[in-house]
Structure formats: structure tokens, C-alpha cells
């Protein structure tokens, strides 16, 4: 039987979706329930917390960047051999890019396509009965999206809870829980969002506390009962063709932003993934035929990376005969140097000629469409890709390398050429999610 699926959403970012999701996942796991957590939209940080809380791999579903068939296939895989699938929305429930209906990137697209009932998390600080008006608006905004319950967050008192709950109950939508105001339940943050799960100083204790809160303040049985069985899929789709048969993949706290669905797709296509840690001064395995440097936080570890001679020499040697590709942070490391937040410049691999700076911060954020200008690890010439950018680093020296892709934003507005390539080395700030 397929797992029950449910979507945890909110009117806006910062409402408490992640806290509620992690509390539910941790509580269900503690009960012995096999629960898979999924993130809607482009995000690396939350899926790592999901994986740590559930004990199962994290996953992203993205209605903009993934074809409908790929969404179906990945959701079907997540539902196999699992009891419950909890999807956490990003931003507000209906927030996405305008364009093709059903492919906006909004979590509401997933709710409609997969038939996921929605539990709305409402931050009721600064309001009480007015929360019912918010719930009414969300419940009637799109008839394909069904709000089946509400969890109140940041409740100040029993009186506060009663006022909000009684008003919402008149709508015929059950209030499934009310979480008290407690700033210590939040996870620590930094410039790209939450601190990574692998860096949290007491993650198990934090999950235990969130599970205790969920058990005490949310009717977990009623919430799960509102879930709907997800359809299983026999499709076995590969989001991006593997760049090689044996892929050396950098992985540590500086290079942690590799999408689970991409790596799993490479394995499904028959590729072998060989992990190595640049921060541990490891080089890519010489028996591999491609090297992939994902994004992460290299600017926080630039000094260590600059002194990792085995890593540096190994990648330079590898690049003489086999392709090396870098995404975002990996792209920065492929360049000549990285300037850290203190303004100190650290030499990098120098396989591409650009230089980047985190001291001169500039936010780049949004969905992207890309078309490759030449064959590379992200596809043959002319490959159409969808993904996103999310970085604060700025290019301080453009370099003289040839561009890698032609880029457009989520609505198709041309952004010019981007990325770099030199010999067998390529890179871009653009994160690939899937081919079109």
C-alpha cells in the first residue's frame, strides 16, 4: 500500500513550517513509523535536516524545474516502502513564478497534482480571531488545493489559543494543534538560511525536543489520518544524465549542496559515485572518469582549501585528461581565488580564470533556464536545463574563459551568457535540477 502524503504549508516564510515538520517527523520516527520528508522547491539545507530527523534520504520536488512526469515518478518512489510522506512547502503556499499553470514552483502545484491535503501553519503572534480570515482566504483561493487542517504557531496563552481556534472552527476546518511561543525551538541561521544539519552541535537532542513539543501540542494521529495515499509510479526517470560512469563527487561541509534526486538518478542510470572530501585534503579517485564539485560554503573554509595541496594537485591532474564541473561554490573553487568575508584573498584551483568575493556581497536568487553552448558534464550542446541560483558571492574578476550556457530567468527573460569553460573544466553559479 502507498504511503499517506500530506503537505505542511504556511501563508509566508518564517511561519514555523520547518519546526512543525521536523517535530512531526521526529515524533513519528520515535513511534516506529517509517516517514519520508520532502521539500518543495529548490533547497539544500532543509532536506539535510529532514534526512537527519527521518533516517531516510531527503528529497526535493519542484514543479517549475521538474517535468510533471518526473514529479510523479519521484513522489511515487518516495511513497514506496514508507508509511507517511510529509512534504514541507517553501515560502507561502501559492508563491512561485508566473507562467505555465501547474509549473510555477509553488507548493500549491504539488498539492494539486499529487492530491496532497494541506495543513496550514499559521503564526498567530499579533492576532487572534483574524487568523480565521487568513485561513478562509487560503481555503478558497484555489479549488484544486484543499486545506484540511491548521496548526497554530507562536501561541502566547490559553486565551490566545481559544480565540483563534474558535474563530477557525466556524469555517469547518479543524485546528490540529497549537504550538507555544518559544524562540529556542528555532534552528540557528546564517547567510544562506539555516546552519547545515551536519554542523548542528546537538541535533539529536534538538529533534527529541521538537518531537516532545509535537506530541504535547499537535494531534499527530488526526493529522496523519487526513493524509491521502500517494500514487505509486513504475517510471524510472533520470533528471540529468550522469557525467561519467564513475563520478568523483566532493562531499563535506564545504561541498554539501548536491541534490539527492540527481545523485540517485545517476546511480539509477548505472553510474558509480565515489565520494571524497576536499577539507580532509583528499583528491578525486584516479579511477573515476568525471569529477563534480557541488555548491556549499567554500568561502567559510577558503583558508583550509587553499592549503589542501593533495586536493589541489589531484584536481589539477584530473582535469588534464577528464572533465571537471563545479556548481556555485564548486565554480568559485575552480577559479583563481576567493575573497572571504574579512577581505582576505585565498588562491584556489586556478583551472578557470575568474575570481570571486564574499566580502563584496550581492544576492543572486531565482529560478533559471539554461541552454548549453557546448558539450560538458551537464549535457551535450543545446541541452535545455532548469534550475536556480542562490548565492551572495560576487565575481570580481570576470576572466577570459568561454561561456558555458545561455541563461534566462524563470519567466524566460534572457539574461545573457553565463558560466565558464576552459579545456575539460566547466562551471557556473547555476544549480541544475533537471533537463527540460
Protein backbone atom coordinates (compact mmCIF):
# COMPACT_ATOMS: atom_id res chain seq x y z
CA UNK A 1 0.00 0.00 0.00
CA UNK A 2 1.20 3.51 -0.81
CA UNK A 3 2.22 5.90 1.95
CA UNK A 4 -0.12 8.61 3.14
CA UNK A 5 1.03 12.01 1.93
CA UNK A 6 0.36 15.44 3.41
CA UNK A 7 1.72 18.93 2.73
CA UNK A 8 2.77 21.29 5.55
CA UNK A 9 2.45 24.87 4.26
CA UNK A 10 2.02 28.43 5.50
CA UNK A 11 0.96 31.87 4.29
CA UNK A 12 4.58 33.08 4.27
CA UNK A 13 8.15 32.25 5.14
CA UNK A 14 9.05 32.32 8.82
CA UNK A 15 5.71 30.92 9.99
CA UNK A 16 7.22 27.78 11.52
CA UNK A 17 6.84 25.17 8.76
CA UNK A 18 10.27 23.66 9.32
CA UNK A 19 9.85 23.48 13.11
CA UNK A 20 6.46 21.79 12.78
CA UNK A 21 7.67 19.44 10.02
CA UNK A 22 10.75 18.33 11.95
CA UNK A 23 8.71 17.86 15.12
CA UNK A 24 6.19 15.67 13.30
CA UNK A 25 8.90 13.66 11.53
CA UNK A 26 10.89 13.10 14.72
CA UNK A 27 7.78 12.14 16.69
CA UNK A 28 6.58 9.68 14.05
CA UNK A 29 10.01 8.10 13.77
CA UNK A 30 10.17 7.72 17.55
CA UNK A 31 6.84 5.88 17.34
CA UNK A 32 8.34 3.44 14.85
CA UNK A 33 6.60 4.95 11.82
CA UNK A 34 8.63 4.98 8.61
CA UNK A 35 8.37 8.60 7.48
CA UNK A 36 9.91 10.30 4.46
CA UNK A 37 10.27 14.08 4.43
CA UNK A 38 10.30 16.05 1.18
CA UNK A 39 10.98 19.73 0.43
CA UNK A 40 9.05 21.67 -2.16
CA UNK A 41 11.24 23.85 -4.34
CA UNK A 42 14.98 24.47 -4.57
CA UNK A 43 16.60 24.00 -1.17
CA UNK A 44 19.64 22.13 0.13
CA UNK A 45 19.54 22.92 3.84
CA UNK A 46 16.06 21.71 4.85
CA UNK A 47 16.36 18.30 3.12
CA UNK A 48 19.51 17.59 5.15
CA UNK A 49 17.57 18.25 8.37
CA UNK A 50 14.71 16.13 7.02
CA UNK A 51 17.11 13.26 6.36
CA UNK A 52 18.66 13.51 9.81
CA UNK A 53 15.24 13.58 11.51
CA UNK A 54 13.70 10.74 9.48
CA UNK A 55 16.72 8.50 8.92
CA UNK A 56 15.81 8.38 5.22
CA UNK A 57 17.30 10.38 2.32
CA UNK A 58 15.99 13.88 1.79
CA UNK A 59 14.24 14.77 -1.46
CA UNK A 60 13.14 17.85 -3.40
CA UNK A 61 10.06 18.12 -5.59
CA UNK A 62 9.92 21.19 -7.80
CA UNK A 63 7.01 21.90 -10.13
CA UNK A 64 8.95 24.56 -12.08
CA UNK A 65 12.24 22.78 -12.61
CA UNK A 66 10.93 19.21 -12.88
CA UNK A 67 8.60 17.92 -15.57
CA UNK A 68 5.21 16.69 -14.32
CA UNK A 69 6.25 13.12 -15.15
CA UNK A 70 9.43 13.50 -13.07
CA UNK A 71 7.44 14.91 -10.14
CA UNK A 72 5.11 11.91 -10.34
CA UNK A 73 7.99 9.45 -10.55
CA UNK A 74 9.95 10.91 -7.62
CA UNK A 75 6.84 11.22 -5.46
CA UNK A 76 5.97 7.61 -6.27
CA UNK A 77 9.44 6.46 -5.28
CA UNK A 78 9.21 8.39 -2.00
CA UNK A 79 5.93 6.61 -1.22
CA UNK A 80 7.36 3.12 -1.68
CA UNK A 81 8.20 1.15 1.47
CA UNK A 82 7.18 4.15 3.57
CA UNK A 83 4.24 4.80 5.90
CA UNK A 84 3.98 8.58 5.71
CA UNK A 85 5.35 11.22 3.33
CA UNK A 86 5.43 14.76 4.71
CA UNK A 87 6.09 17.49 2.15
CA UNK A 88 7.26 20.85 3.51
CA UNK A 89 6.41 23.87 1.37
CA UNK A 90 8.77 26.73 0.71
CA UNK A 91 7.77 30.38 1.21
CA UNK A 92 3.99 30.84 1.09
CA UNK A 93 1.74 28.08 -0.25
CA UNK A 94 0.96 29.88 -3.52
CA UNK A 95 4.31 31.64 -4.02
CA UNK A 96 6.06 30.85 -7.31
CA UNK A 97 6.85 32.40 -10.69
CA UNK A 98 4.10 33.47 -13.06
CA UNK A 99 3.90 31.44 -16.21
CA UNK A 100 2.66 28.00 -17.14
CA UNK A 101 -0.14 26.90 -14.79
CA UNK A 102 0.98 23.97 -12.66
CA UNK A 103 4.67 24.76 -13.27
CA UNK A 104 5.15 27.84 -11.12
CA UNK A 105 7.35 26.24 -8.45
CA UNK A 106 4.68 26.91 -5.81
CA UNK A 107 3.92 24.15 -3.31
CA UNK A 108 0.27 24.54 -4.33
CA UNK A 109 1.20 22.96 -7.68
CA UNK A 110 2.31 19.80 -5.87
CA UNK A 111 -0.82 19.79 -3.73
CA UNK A 112 -3.00 19.95 -6.83
CA UNK A 113 -1.06 17.48 -8.98
CA UNK A 114 -0.39 14.86 -6.31
CA UNK A 115 -3.66 15.32 -4.43
CA UNK A 116 -1.83 16.27 -1.25
CA UNK A 117 -4.09 17.59 1.54
CA UNK A 118 -2.66 20.76 3.08
CA UNK A 119 -2.15 21.53 6.76
CA UNK A 120 -1.60 25.26 7.15
CA UNK A 121 0.80 26.53 9.83
CA UNK A 122 -0.33 29.98 10.99
CA UNK A 123 1.91 32.29 13.01
CA UNK A 124 -0.72 33.89 15.24
CA UNK A 125 1.58 36.30 17.04
CA UNK A 126 -0.05 39.72 16.92
CA UNK A 127 -3.50 38.39 16.01
CA UNK A 128 -6.19 36.02 17.25
CA UNK A 129 -9.61 35.81 15.53
CA UNK A 130 -8.15 37.45 12.44
CA UNK A 131 -6.30 34.19 11.77
CA UNK A 132 -9.64 32.78 10.62
CA UNK A 133 -9.75 35.31 7.79
CA UNK A 134 -6.33 34.16 6.64
CA UNK A 135 -7.42 30.53 6.72
CA UNK A 136 -10.64 31.34 4.85
CA UNK A 137 -8.68 33.10 2.11
CA UNK A 138 -6.27 30.21 1.66
CA UNK A 139 -9.07 27.64 1.77
CA UNK A 140 -11.00 29.32 -1.03
CA UNK A 141 -8.16 30.65 -3.19
CA UNK A 142 -7.78 27.56 -5.42
CA UNK A 143 -10.41 24.85 -5.56
CA UNK A 144 -7.75 22.28 -6.53
CA UNK A 145 -5.90 22.89 -3.24
CA UNK A 146 -7.60 21.52 -0.13
CA UNK A 147 -6.80 22.94 3.32
CA UNK A 148 -7.71 20.10 5.69
CA UNK A 149 -6.34 21.42 8.97
CA UNK A 150 -4.48 24.18 10.77
CA UNK A 151 -1.63 24.26 13.27
CA UNK A 152 -1.35 27.48 15.26
CA UNK A 153 2.22 28.58 15.98
CA UNK A 154 3.65 31.07 18.50
CA UNK A 155 0.60 30.91 20.74
CA UNK A 156 1.03 33.25 23.72
CA UNK A 157 -1.58 31.88 26.15
CA UNK A 158 -4.59 29.60 26.56
CA UNK A 159 -6.88 32.58 25.94
CA UNK A 160 -4.97 33.40 22.76
CA UNK A 161 -5.29 29.79 21.57
CA UNK A 162 -9.01 29.64 22.31
CA UNK A 163 -9.83 32.88 20.49
CA UNK A 164 -8.01 31.85 17.31
CA UNK A 165 -9.19 28.23 17.42
CA UNK A 166 -12.87 29.08 17.96
CA UNK A 167 -12.88 31.50 15.03
CA UNK A 168 -11.22 28.98 12.70
CA UNK A 169 -13.53 26.16 13.85
CA UNK A 170 -16.51 28.13 12.47
CA UNK A 171 -15.02 27.55 8.98
CA UNK A 172 -15.34 23.79 9.40
CA UNK A 173 -11.55 23.34 9.26
CA UNK A 174 -10.09 21.57 12.31
CA UNK A 175 -7.33 23.10 14.40
CA UNK A 176 -4.94 20.18 14.80
CA UNK A 177 -2.58 21.80 17.26
CA UNK A 178 -1.24 24.94 18.85
CA UNK A 179 2.48 25.34 19.44
CA UNK A 180 3.53 27.78 22.19
CA UNK A 181 5.81 30.69 21.53
CA UNK A 182 9.39 29.57 22.22
CA UNK A 183 12.34 31.11 20.41
CA UNK A 184 14.68 28.31 21.50
CA UNK A 185 12.92 25.86 19.16
CA UNK A 186 14.32 27.69 16.12
CA UNK A 187 17.39 26.38 14.36
CA UNK A 188 20.50 28.59 14.03
CA UNK A 189 20.86 30.55 10.78
CA UNK A 190 23.49 32.18 8.59
CA UNK A 191 23.63 33.88 5.19
CA UNK A 192 22.03 31.15 3.05
CA UNK A 193 19.49 30.13 5.68
CA UNK A 194 19.88 27.52 8.39
CA UNK A 195 23.22 26.23 9.56
CA UNK A 196 23.77 22.82 7.98
CA UNK A 197 22.48 19.75 9.79
CA UNK A 198 25.97 18.24 9.92
CA UNK A 199 27.22 21.31 11.83
CA UNK A 200 24.45 21.49 14.45
CA UNK A 201 26.08 20.94 17.86
CA UNK A 202 23.28 18.83 19.41
CA UNK A 203 20.98 17.73 16.62
CA UNK A 204 19.56 14.58 18.22
CA UNK A 205 18.67 16.46 21.39
CA UNK A 206 17.03 19.19 19.32
CA UNK A 207 14.94 16.64 17.40
CA UNK A 208 13.93 14.98 20.68
CA UNK A 209 12.72 18.32 21.99
CA UNK A 210 10.77 19.07 18.81
CA UNK A 211 9.21 15.59 18.98
CA UNK A 212 8.17 16.24 22.59
CA UNK A 213 6.56 19.54 21.56
CA UNK A 214 4.73 17.89 18.65
CA UNK A 215 3.42 15.10 20.88
CA UNK A 216 2.25 17.57 23.52
CA UNK A 217 0.69 20.21 21.27
CA UNK A 218 -0.35 18.58 17.95
CA UNK A 219 -2.90 15.80 17.38
CA UNK A 220 -0.48 13.73 15.29
CA UNK A 221 -2.89 10.83 14.77
CA UNK A 222 -5.59 13.14 13.41
CA UNK A 223 -3.10 14.94 11.17
CA UNK A 224 -1.76 11.71 9.65
CA UNK A 225 -5.32 10.37 9.19
CA UNK A 226 -6.05 13.36 6.96
CA UNK A 227 -3.27 12.31 4.60
CA UNK A 228 -4.08 10.81 1.21
CA UNK A 229 -2.41 7.72 -0.29
CA UNK A 230 0.15 8.80 -2.89
CA UNK A 231 0.09 7.12 -6.26
CA UNK A 232 2.97 4.76 -6.96
CA UNK A 233 4.92 5.09 -10.20
CA UNK A 234 6.75 2.48 -12.23
CA UNK A 235 8.62 5.19 -14.16
CA UNK A 236 12.37 5.34 -13.68
CA UNK A 237 13.37 8.77 -14.94
CA UNK A 238 16.87 10.25 -14.82
CA UNK A 239 16.72 14.02 -14.12
CA UNK A 240 20.22 14.62 -15.56
CA UNK A 241 22.38 12.17 -17.48
CA UNK A 242 25.42 11.13 -15.44
CA UNK A 243 28.61 12.93 -16.48
CA UNK A 244 30.58 9.68 -16.32
CA UNK A 245 30.47 6.02 -15.39
CA UNK A 246 32.45 6.60 -12.18
CA UNK A 247 31.88 10.07 -10.75
CA UNK A 248 34.16 11.60 -8.12
CA UNK A 249 31.80 13.71 -6.01
CA UNK A 250 33.16 16.18 -3.45
CA UNK A 251 31.24 15.96 -0.18
CA UNK A 252 31.89 17.64 3.17
CA UNK A 253 30.61 20.77 4.95
CA UNK A 254 32.18 22.97 2.23
CA UNK A 255 30.65 20.94 -0.63
CA UNK A 256 27.30 19.63 0.57
CA UNK A 257 24.82 21.05 -1.95
CA UNK A 258 24.29 18.08 -4.27
CA UNK A 259 20.65 17.27 -4.95
CA UNK A 260 19.66 13.79 -3.78
CA UNK A 261 17.42 13.21 -6.81
CA UNK A 262 20.32 13.94 -9.19
CA UNK A 263 22.78 11.63 -7.44
CA UNK A 264 20.15 8.90 -7.11
CA UNK A 265 19.35 9.35 -10.80
CA UNK A 266 23.00 8.88 -11.72
CA UNK A 267 23.08 5.65 -9.74
CA UNK A 268 19.82 4.54 -11.37
CA UNK A 269 21.45 5.11 -14.76
CA UNK A 270 24.28 2.77 -13.78
CA UNK A 271 26.92 5.27 -12.60
CA UNK A 272 29.05 4.73 -9.51
CA UNK A 273 29.52 7.63 -7.09
CA UNK A 274 32.91 7.90 -5.37
CA UNK A 275 32.93 10.46 -2.56
CA UNK A 276 35.96 12.49 -1.49
CA UNK A 277 36.48 15.35 0.96
CA UNK A 278 38.48 18.42 -0.11
CA UNK A 279 38.53 19.66 3.50
CA UNK A 280 40.19 16.38 4.51
CA UNK A 281 42.72 17.12 1.73
CA UNK A 282 41.53 14.22 -0.43
CA UNK A 283 41.87 14.12 -4.19
CA UNK A 284 39.34 12.67 -6.65
CA UNK A 285 39.85 8.96 -7.26
CA UNK A 286 42.10 8.41 -10.27
CA UNK A 287 39.86 5.56 -11.44
CA UNK A 288 36.96 7.98 -11.98
CA UNK A 289 36.14 9.46 -15.36
CA UNK A 290 34.42 12.68 -14.18
CA UNK A 291 34.67 14.99 -11.17
CA UNK A 292 31.82 17.07 -9.77
CA UNK A 293 32.32 19.89 -7.24
CA UNK A 294 28.88 20.85 -5.86
CA UNK A 295 27.94 24.02 -4.07
CA UNK A 296 28.27 24.64 -0.37
CA UNK A 297 30.16 27.08 1.81
CA UNK A 298 33.72 27.23 0.44
CA UNK A 299 34.00 30.89 1.50
CA UNK A 300 33.85 29.76 5.15
CA UNK A 301 36.72 27.31 4.61
CA UNK A 302 38.77 29.12 1.97
CA UNK A 303 41.97 29.08 4.05
CA UNK A 304 41.85 25.32 4.57
CA UNK A 305 41.03 24.70 0.93
CA UNK A 306 43.91 26.92 -0.21
CA UNK A 307 46.29 24.78 1.85
CA UNK A 308 44.83 21.41 0.79
CA UNK A 309 47.70 20.53 -1.52
CA UNK A 310 46.63 16.93 -2.18
CA UNK A 311 43.16 18.12 -3.21
CA UNK A 312 44.52 20.95 -5.36
CA UNK A 313 47.18 18.88 -7.12
CA UNK A 314 44.78 15.97 -7.57
CA UNK A 315 42.02 18.02 -9.22
CA UNK A 316 44.52 19.82 -11.46
CA UNK A 317 45.96 16.48 -12.56
CA UNK A 318 42.48 15.02 -13.06
CA UNK A 319 41.44 17.98 -15.23
CA UNK A 320 44.24 17.34 -17.71
CA UNK A 321 42.50 14.24 -19.07
CA UNK A 322 38.93 14.13 -17.69
CA UNK A 323 36.04 16.57 -17.22
CA UNK A 324 35.66 18.56 -14.01
CA UNK A 325 32.50 20.57 -13.32
CA UNK A 326 31.68 22.97 -10.50
CA UNK A 327 28.32 24.37 -9.37
CA UNK A 328 28.10 27.62 -7.40
CA UNK A 329 30.60 27.05 -4.55
CA UNK A 330 32.37 24.47 -6.72
CA UNK A 331 32.53 27.06 -9.50
CA UNK A 332 34.12 29.53 -7.08
CA UNK A 333 36.78 26.99 -6.08
CA UNK A 334 37.61 26.28 -9.74
CA UNK A 335 38.53 29.96 -10.15
CA UNK A 336 41.72 31.81 -9.37
CA UNK A 337 40.81 32.98 -5.86
CA UNK A 338 38.08 33.52 -3.26
CA UNK A 339 37.97 36.62 -1.07
CA UNK A 340 36.43 35.74 2.27
CA UNK A 341 34.12 37.91 4.41
CA UNK A 342 37.13 39.56 6.09
CA UNK A 343 38.54 40.67 2.74
CA UNK A 344 41.36 38.10 2.73
CA UNK A 345 42.01 36.57 -0.69
CA UNK A 346 42.80 32.85 -0.89
CA UNK A 347 44.20 31.16 -4.01
CA UNK A 348 42.02 28.39 -5.43
CA UNK A 349 42.42 25.78 -8.18
CA UNK A 350 43.02 28.30 -10.96
CA UNK A 351 41.51 25.99 -13.58
CA UNK A 352 39.18 28.83 -14.59
CA UNK A 353 40.31 32.44 -14.68
CA UNK A 354 37.59 34.26 -12.73
CA UNK A 355 37.85 35.41 -9.10
CA UNK A 356 35.03 35.75 -6.58
CA UNK A 357 34.42 37.64 -3.35
CA UNK A 358 32.18 37.13 -0.36
CA UNK A 359 33.31 40.45 1.13
CA UNK A 360 31.60 42.25 -1.76
CA UNK A 361 28.23 40.58 -1.25
CA UNK A 362 25.47 40.63 -3.80
CA UNK A 363 22.38 38.45 -3.58
CA UNK A 364 21.55 36.44 -6.69
CA UNK A 365 18.33 34.47 -6.28
CA UNK A 366 15.78 32.89 -8.57
CA UNK A 367 14.79 30.15 -10.95
CA UNK A 368 16.84 29.81 -14.11
CA UNK A 369 16.53 28.21 -17.54
CA UNK A 370 19.77 27.35 -19.29
CA UNK A 371 20.83 26.11 -22.72
CA UNK A 372 24.31 24.65 -23.03
CA UNK A 373 26.60 26.29 -25.60
CA UNK A 374 28.96 23.32 -25.76
CA UNK A 375 29.11 19.73 -24.58
CA UNK A 376 30.02 19.46 -20.89
CA UNK A 377 29.19 17.33 -17.82
CA UNK A 378 25.74 18.98 -17.68
CA UNK A 379 24.83 17.78 -21.15
CA UNK A 380 25.53 17.85 -24.90
CA UNK A 381 25.47 21.14 -26.79
CA UNK A 382 21.94 22.52 -26.94
CA UNK A 383 20.73 20.74 -23.79
CA UNK A 384 17.91 22.68 -22.12
CA UNK A 385 18.04 22.69 -18.33
CA UNK A 386 16.07 24.12 -15.43
CA UNK A 387 17.41 25.06 -12.02
CA UNK A 388 18.16 28.04 -9.84
CA UNK A 389 20.74 30.44 -8.43
CA UNK A 390 21.14 31.33 -4.76
CA UNK A 391 24.40 32.96 -3.73
CA UNK A 392 25.83 36.11 -2.23
CA UNK A 393 29.28 35.87 -3.82
CA UNK A 394 30.20 38.40 -6.48
CA UNK A 395 32.55 37.93 -9.43
CA UNK A 396 35.34 40.49 -9.01
CA UNK A 397 37.44 39.36 -11.98
CA UNK A 398 35.45 38.02 -14.94
CA UNK A 399 38.36 36.21 -16.52
CA UNK A 400 38.66 35.36 -20.19
CA UNK A 401 37.14 31.88 -20.36
CA UNK A 402 34.45 30.99 -22.88
CA UNK A 403 30.85 30.95 -21.55
CA UNK A 404 29.14 27.65 -20.76
CA UNK A 405 25.41 28.38 -21.03
CA UNK A 406 22.85 30.84 -22.30
CA UNK A 407 20.74 31.83 -19.31
CA UNK A 408 17.19 33.06 -18.77
CA UNK A 409 15.17 33.71 -15.64
CA UNK A 410 12.17 31.68 -14.51
CA UNK A 411 9.82 33.61 -16.80
CA UNK A 412 12.08 33.15 -19.81
CA UNK A 413 13.61 36.65 -19.84
CA UNK A 414 17.07 36.42 -21.40
CA UNK A 415 19.97 37.05 -19.00
CA UNK A 416 22.84 36.57 -21.43
CA UNK A 417 25.67 34.07 -21.39
CA UNK A 418 26.98 32.69 -18.11
CA UNK A 419 29.39 30.20 -16.61
CA UNK A 420 32.88 29.38 -17.83
CA UNK A 421 34.73 26.63 -19.65
CA UNK A 422 38.39 26.02 -20.37
CA UNK A 423 39.60 22.72 -21.74
CA UNK A 424 37.82 19.93 -19.85
CA UNK A 425 36.85 22.24 -16.96
CA UNK A 426 33.45 23.92 -16.67
CA UNK A 427 31.42 25.68 -14.05
CA UNK A 428 28.53 28.01 -13.35
CA UNK A 429 26.66 29.59 -10.44
CA UNK A 430 23.56 27.94 -11.89
CA UNK A 431 22.41 24.80 -9.99
CA UNK A 432 20.92 22.18 -12.30
CA UNK A 433 17.72 20.49 -11.07
CA UNK A 434 16.66 18.66 -14.23
CA UNK A 435 16.65 18.70 -18.00
CA UNK A 436 13.52 20.09 -19.63
